[in-house]
Amino acid sequence: MIKQAVVTTLLSLAALGAHAEVVNIDNAELARLVASGVAIIDIRTAGEWKETGIIAGSRLLTFFDEKGRSDAPAWLEKAKLVAKPEQPVILICRSGNRTRAATQFLSQQAGYKTVYNVSGGLNAWAREGRAVVPASSAVAVCAAGARC
């Protein structure tokens, strides 16, 4: 019985070690990380990108569609083109709610080591008067024929 408890505890600890560190960040930390070259993925919808603009350098990969549906495995394949599991990555949405689900997915199921969640999302970024660029600027950096 004790041996089984020890094995269960060790397996639980090993599973915890496989999860990423999800770090909630504010706009100042976001700006610092982006300036240092950490990849940022904007998981909002195309309509949202067009309406508000994006943070310069963002890669545009919708996680939930307009109806709230997600194809996490397909999204992950695209996300891996932006940042590999051993690389840190930042996720942003409108308010920080949708990114909680996406960061947990990267952390608990995809093996990403460090995932940053922008707590206030793009709304907080814009409220502080920080710069955004048109979404069309991100599309230009995608490979021909790729949907980013």
Protein backbone atom coordinates (compact mmCIF):
# COMPACT_ATOMS: atom_id res chain seq x y z
CA MET A 1 0.00 0.00 0.00
CA ILE A 2 2.81 2.44 0.87
CA LYS A 3 4.66 1.45 -2.29
CA GLN A 4 1.55 2.27 -4.38
CA ALA A 5 1.21 5.66 -2.66
CA VAL A 6 4.87 6.48 -3.36
CA VAL A 7 4.50 5.51 -7.03
CA THR A 8 1.32 7.59 -7.34
CA THR A 9 3.02 10.59 -5.72
CA LEU A 10 6.07 10.31 -7.99
CA LEU A 11 3.89 10.06 -11.10
CA SER A 12 1.91 13.10 -9.99
CA LEU A 13 5.09 15.11 -9.44
CA ALA A 14 6.44 14.06 -12.83
CA ALA A 15 3.22 15.17 -14.48
CA LEU A 16 3.44 18.55 -12.76
CA GLY A 17 6.97 19.01 -14.02
CA ALA A 18 5.80 18.47 -17.59
CA HIS A 19 3.45 21.45 -17.43
CA ALA A 20 4.43 24.90 -18.54
CA GLU A 21 4.70 27.81 -16.30
CA VAL A 22 1.76 30.09 -17.12
CA VAL A 23 2.63 33.65 -16.15
CA ASN A 24 0.05 36.43 -16.11
CA ILE A 25 1.66 39.66 -17.28
CA ASP A 26 0.71 43.32 -17.51
CA ASN A 27 1.36 45.73 -20.37
CA ALA A 28 4.76 46.87 -19.14
CA GLU A 29 5.99 43.27 -19.02
CA LEU A 30 4.37 42.56 -22.39
CA ALA A 31 6.25 45.46 -23.97
CA ARG A 32 9.52 44.28 -22.41
CA LEU A 33 9.07 40.68 -23.57
CA VAL A 34 8.09 41.67 -27.12
CA ALA A 35 11.11 44.00 -27.31
CA SER A 36 13.33 41.11 -26.22
CA GLY A 37 12.04 38.96 -29.08
CA VAL A 38 9.49 36.69 -27.37
CA ALA A 39 6.85 35.63 -29.90
CA ILE A 40 3.32 36.97 -29.42
CA ILE A 41 0.24 35.19 -30.74
CA ASP A 42 -3.04 37.11 -31.00
CA ILE A 43 -5.79 34.49 -30.68
CA ARG A 44 -8.73 36.79 -31.48
CA THR A 45 -10.87 36.53 -34.60
CA ALA A 46 -10.15 38.23 -37.92
CA GLY A 47 -12.99 40.69 -37.32
CA GLU A 48 -11.43 41.75 -34.03
CA TRP A 49 -8.00 42.19 -35.59
CA LYS A 50 -9.46 44.43 -38.30
CA GLU A 51 -11.58 46.42 -35.85
CA THR A 52 -8.91 47.28 -33.28
CA GLY A 53 -5.58 46.57 -34.92
CA ILE A 54 -2.87 44.42 -33.38
CA ILE A 55 0.38 44.79 -31.49
CA ALA A 56 3.24 45.08 -33.97
CA GLY A 57 4.89 41.73 -34.53
CA SER A 58 1.88 39.67 -33.46
CA ARG A 59 1.15 36.43 -35.25
CA LEU A 60 -2.55 35.99 -35.87
CA LEU A 61 -3.90 32.55 -34.95
CA THR A 62 -7.56 32.42 -33.94
CA PHE A 63 -8.12 29.92 -31.11
CA PHE A 64 -11.93 30.26 -30.75
CA ASP A 65 -14.05 31.13 -33.78
CA GLU A 66 -17.01 33.54 -33.70
CA LYS A 67 -19.23 30.74 -32.35
CA GLY A 68 -16.82 29.82 -29.56
CA ARG A 69 -15.56 26.64 -31.23
CA SER A 70 -11.95 25.58 -31.22
CA ASP A 71 -9.87 22.99 -33.03
CA ALA A 72 -7.00 22.89 -30.55
CA PRO A 73 -4.86 20.27 -32.35
CA ALA A 74 -5.00 22.18 -35.66
CA TRP A 75 -4.29 25.45 -33.85
CA LEU A 76 -1.32 23.87 -32.08
CA GLU A 77 0.29 22.85 -35.37
CA LYS A 78 0.19 26.49 -36.48
CA ALA A 79 1.37 27.76 -33.09
CA LYS A 80 4.41 25.48 -33.27
CA LEU A 81 5.47 27.36 -36.41
CA VAL A 82 5.57 30.54 -34.31
CA ALA A 83 7.18 29.13 -31.14
CA LYS A 84 8.37 25.64 -30.30
CA PRO A 85 7.41 24.11 -26.93
CA GLU A 86 10.83 24.88 -25.46
CA GLN A 87 10.53 28.58 -26.40
CA PRO A 88 8.57 31.16 -24.39
CA VAL A 89 5.41 32.48 -26.04
CA ILE A 90 2.92 35.25 -25.26
CA LEU A 91 -0.83 34.87 -25.91
CA ILE A 92 -3.18 37.84 -26.15
CA CYS A 93 -6.91 38.22 -26.79
CA ARG A 94 -9.35 41.06 -26.24
CA SER A 95 -9.63 40.94 -22.44
CA GLY A 96 -7.50 38.04 -21.20
CA ASN A 97 -10.35 35.54 -20.85
CA ARG A 98 -9.88 33.41 -23.96
CA THR A 99 -6.14 33.27 -23.48
CA ARG A 100 -6.63 31.53 -20.15
CA ALA A 101 -8.00 28.47 -21.96
CA ALA A 102 -5.32 28.61 -24.65
CA THR A 103 -2.46 29.03 -22.17
CA GLN A 104 -3.75 26.10 -20.12
CA PHE A 105 -3.90 24.01 -23.29
CA LEU A 106 -0.28 24.85 -24.17
CA SER A 107 0.79 24.24 -20.59
CA GLN A 108 -1.05 21.07 -19.72
CA GLN A 109 -1.39 19.28 -23.03
CA ALA A 110 1.18 20.61 -25.48
CA GLY A 111 4.33 20.64 -23.33
CA TYR A 112 5.16 24.34 -23.59
CA LYS A 113 7.57 25.39 -20.85
CA THR A 114 6.79 29.12 -20.45
CA VAL A 115 3.53 30.68 -21.61
CA TYR A 116 2.64 34.30 -20.91
CA ASN A 117 -1.00 35.38 -20.62
CA VAL A 118 -1.68 39.10 -21.11
CA SER A 119 -4.08 39.70 -18.23
CA GLY A 120 -6.01 42.69 -19.59
CA GLY A 121 -5.71 41.74 -23.25
CA LEU A 122 -5.66 44.22 -26.09
CA ASN A 123 -8.36 46.30 -24.38
CA ALA A 124 -5.97 47.21 -21.55
CA TRP A 125 -3.14 47.80 -24.04
CA ALA A 126 -5.28 50.27 -25.99
CA ARG A 127 -6.62 51.98 -22.84
CA GLU A 128 -3.04 52.87 -21.95
CA GLY A 129 -2.63 54.47 -25.38
CA ARG A 130 -0.06 51.94 -26.51
CA ALA A 131 0.55 51.54 -30.23
CA VAL A 132 -1.32 49.15 -32.49
CA VAL A 133 -0.89 48.56 -36.21
CA PRO A 134 -3.36 47.41 -38.86
CA ALA A 135 -3.84 43.65 -38.95
CA SER A 136 -2.87 43.65 -42.63
CA SER A 137 0.74 44.28 -41.56
CA ALA A 138 0.87 40.82 -39.91
CA VAL A 139 -0.55 39.05 -42.91
CA ALA A 140 2.29 40.40 -45.02
CA VAL A 141 4.85 38.50 -42.92
CA CYS A 142 3.20 35.11 -43.39
CA ALA A 143 4.58 32.69 -45.94
CA ALA A 144 2.81 32.59 -49.30
CA GLY A 145 -0.24 30.35 -49.11
CA ALA A 146 -0.06 30.07 -45.31
CA ARG A 147 -2.83 31.22 -43.06
CA CYS A 148 -1.32 32.87 -40.00
